[in-house]
Amino acid sequence: MKFGIRPLAFGLLAGLSTVAFAEGGDITALASTVSTEATSIAKLLSITAYVAGVGFALGGILQFKAHKENPQQTPLSKPVVMIVVAACLLFLPTILTVAGNSLLGSGATSAATAGGGSGLGGS
């Protein structure tokens, strides 16, 4: 049985909406729930990137050993690519954190209040 992307997306949205509106139904509760869930997903992706990066690094080291033992069987490009992928995965969480702080500021309200002005009211 094949499932398409549409039923999966509908299921995810339906599940998130019921979780978000279970707290009280107002928009602040929804924003708080979505923010909490997004933070949890970001942490999960960071941990996954670290684990995959270490796995690729170990695989690259083993491929270097295999290349040393039999250069005709294992080309040198294979372990080099694995080490580059490992480095990218290990630095991905740091790059995302720096990019997020550059684009959005270090906090959610810091970009809006950084100028110290009175906002749109103009008073």
Protein backbone atom coordinates (compact mmCIF):
# COMPACT_ATOMS: atom_id res chain seq x y z
CA MET A 1 0.00 0.00 0.00
CA LYS A 2 1.48 3.31 -1.10
CA PHE A 3 0.95 6.53 0.81
CA GLY A 4 1.35 9.88 -0.91
CA ILE A 5 2.74 13.09 0.53
CA ARG A 6 -0.70 14.69 0.76
CA PRO A 7 -2.17 12.29 3.35
CA LEU A 8 1.05 12.52 5.36
CA ALA A 9 1.01 16.33 5.32
CA PHE A 10 -2.68 16.38 6.21
CA GLY A 11 -2.08 14.00 9.10
CA LEU A 12 0.80 16.07 10.45
CA LEU A 13 -1.16 19.31 10.22
CA ALA A 14 -4.22 17.73 11.82
CA GLY A 15 -2.11 16.32 14.65
CA LEU A 16 -0.32 19.60 15.28
CA SER A 17 -3.54 21.59 15.25
CA THR A 18 -5.19 19.36 17.82
CA VAL A 19 -2.14 19.54 20.06
CA ALA A 20 -1.87 23.29 19.65
CA PHE A 21 -5.53 24.05 20.31
CA ALA A 22 -5.78 21.66 23.26
CA GLU A 23 -4.25 24.27 25.56
CA GLY A 24 -6.98 26.85 25.23
CA GLY A 25 -7.56 27.75 21.64
CA ASP A 26 -6.02 31.23 21.58
CA ILE A 27 -3.25 32.30 19.25
CA THR A 28 -0.65 32.76 22.00
CA ALA A 29 -1.05 29.15 23.10
CA LEU A 30 -0.71 28.07 19.49
CA ALA A 31 2.47 30.13 19.02
CA SER A 32 3.93 28.81 22.26
CA THR A 33 3.24 25.20 21.33
CA VAL A 34 4.62 25.56 17.81
CA SER A 35 7.74 27.28 19.19
CA THR A 36 8.29 24.51 21.72
CA GLU A 37 7.83 21.81 19.08
CA ALA A 38 10.16 23.59 16.63
CA THR A 39 12.85 23.77 19.31
CA SER A 40 12.50 20.05 19.99
CA ILE A 41 12.73 19.21 16.29
CA ALA A 42 15.83 21.41 15.94
CA LYS A 43 17.51 19.60 18.83
CA LEU A 44 16.63 16.24 17.29
CA LEU A 45 18.11 17.28 13.94
CA SER A 46 21.29 18.53 15.64
CA ILE A 47 21.78 15.27 17.51
CA THR A 48 21.10 13.29 14.32
CA ALA A 49 23.66 15.38 12.42
CA TYR A 50 26.31 14.79 15.09
CA VAL A 51 25.70 11.03 15.17
CA ALA A 52 25.69 10.76 11.37
CA GLY A 53 28.85 12.89 11.19
CA VAL A 54 30.69 10.60 13.57
CA GLY A 55 29.46 7.59 11.61
CA PHE A 56 30.68 9.02 8.31
CA ALA A 57 34.04 9.89 9.91
CA LEU A 58 34.52 6.33 11.15
CA GLY A 59 33.42 4.98 7.77
CA GLY A 60 35.89 7.29 6.04
CA ILE A 61 38.73 6.08 8.26
CA LEU A 62 37.84 2.48 7.47
CA GLN A 63 37.75 3.31 3.76
CA PHE A 64 41.23 4.87 4.04
CA LYS A 65 42.41 1.59 5.58
CA ALA A 66 40.75 -0.38 2.77
CA HIS A 67 42.39 1.86 0.18
CA LYS A 68 45.79 1.33 1.77
CA GLU A 69 45.35 -2.45 1.70
CA ASN A 70 44.04 -2.62 -1.87
CA PRO A 71 44.19 0.66 -3.88
CA GLN A 72 42.72 -0.91 -7.03
CA GLN A 73 39.58 -2.06 -5.22
CA THR A 74 38.83 1.13 -3.23
CA PRO A 75 39.42 4.48 -4.96
CA LEU A 76 40.85 7.32 -2.89
CA SER A 77 37.87 9.54 -3.68
CA LYS A 78 35.52 7.39 -1.57
CA PRO A 79 37.15 8.00 1.85
CA VAL A 80 37.83 11.66 1.01
CA VAL A 81 34.17 12.25 0.19
CA MET A 82 33.10 10.46 3.38
CA ILE A 83 35.40 12.65 5.50
CA VAL A 84 34.09 15.82 3.80
CA VAL A 85 30.48 14.73 4.43
CA ALA A 86 31.39 13.99 8.06
CA ALA A 87 32.87 17.46 8.50
CA CYS A 88 29.78 19.06 6.97
CA LEU A 89 27.46 17.10 9.24
CA LEU A 90 29.51 17.84 12.35
CA PHE A 91 29.55 21.59 11.65
CA LEU A 92 25.92 21.79 10.50
CA PRO A 93 24.39 22.60 13.93
CA THR A 94 26.96 25.34 14.52
CA ILE A 95 26.40 26.84 11.07
CA LEU A 96 22.63 26.81 11.56
CA THR A 97 22.96 28.49 14.96
CA VAL A 98 25.22 31.22 13.60
CA ALA A 99 22.98 31.75 10.56
CA GLY A 100 19.89 31.92 12.74
CA ASN A 101 21.49 34.46 15.07
CA SER A 102 22.65 36.51 12.08
CA LEU A 103 19.26 36.59 10.43
CA LEU A 104 16.93 36.70 13.42
CA GLY A 105 19.08 38.08 16.22
CA SER A 106 20.00 36.26 19.39
CA GLY A 107 16.44 36.37 20.69
CA ALA A 108 12.95 36.67 19.24
CA THR A 109 12.43 40.23 20.50
CA SER A 110 15.98 41.54 20.07
CA ALA A 111 15.57 42.40 16.40
CA ALA A 112 12.44 44.45 17.08
CA THR A 113 13.85 46.35 20.05
CA ALA A 114 17.49 46.69 19.02
CA GLY A 115 17.07 50.31 17.89
CA GLY A 116 15.53 51.40 21.17
CA GLY A 117 12.83 53.33 19.29
CA SER A 118 9.21 53.59 20.22
CA GLY A 119 8.03 51.30 17.42
CA LEU A 120 5.35 52.13 14.88
CA GLY A 121 3.42 54.46 17.16
CA GLY A 122 6.01 57.21 16.73
CA SER A 123 5.41 58.78 20.14
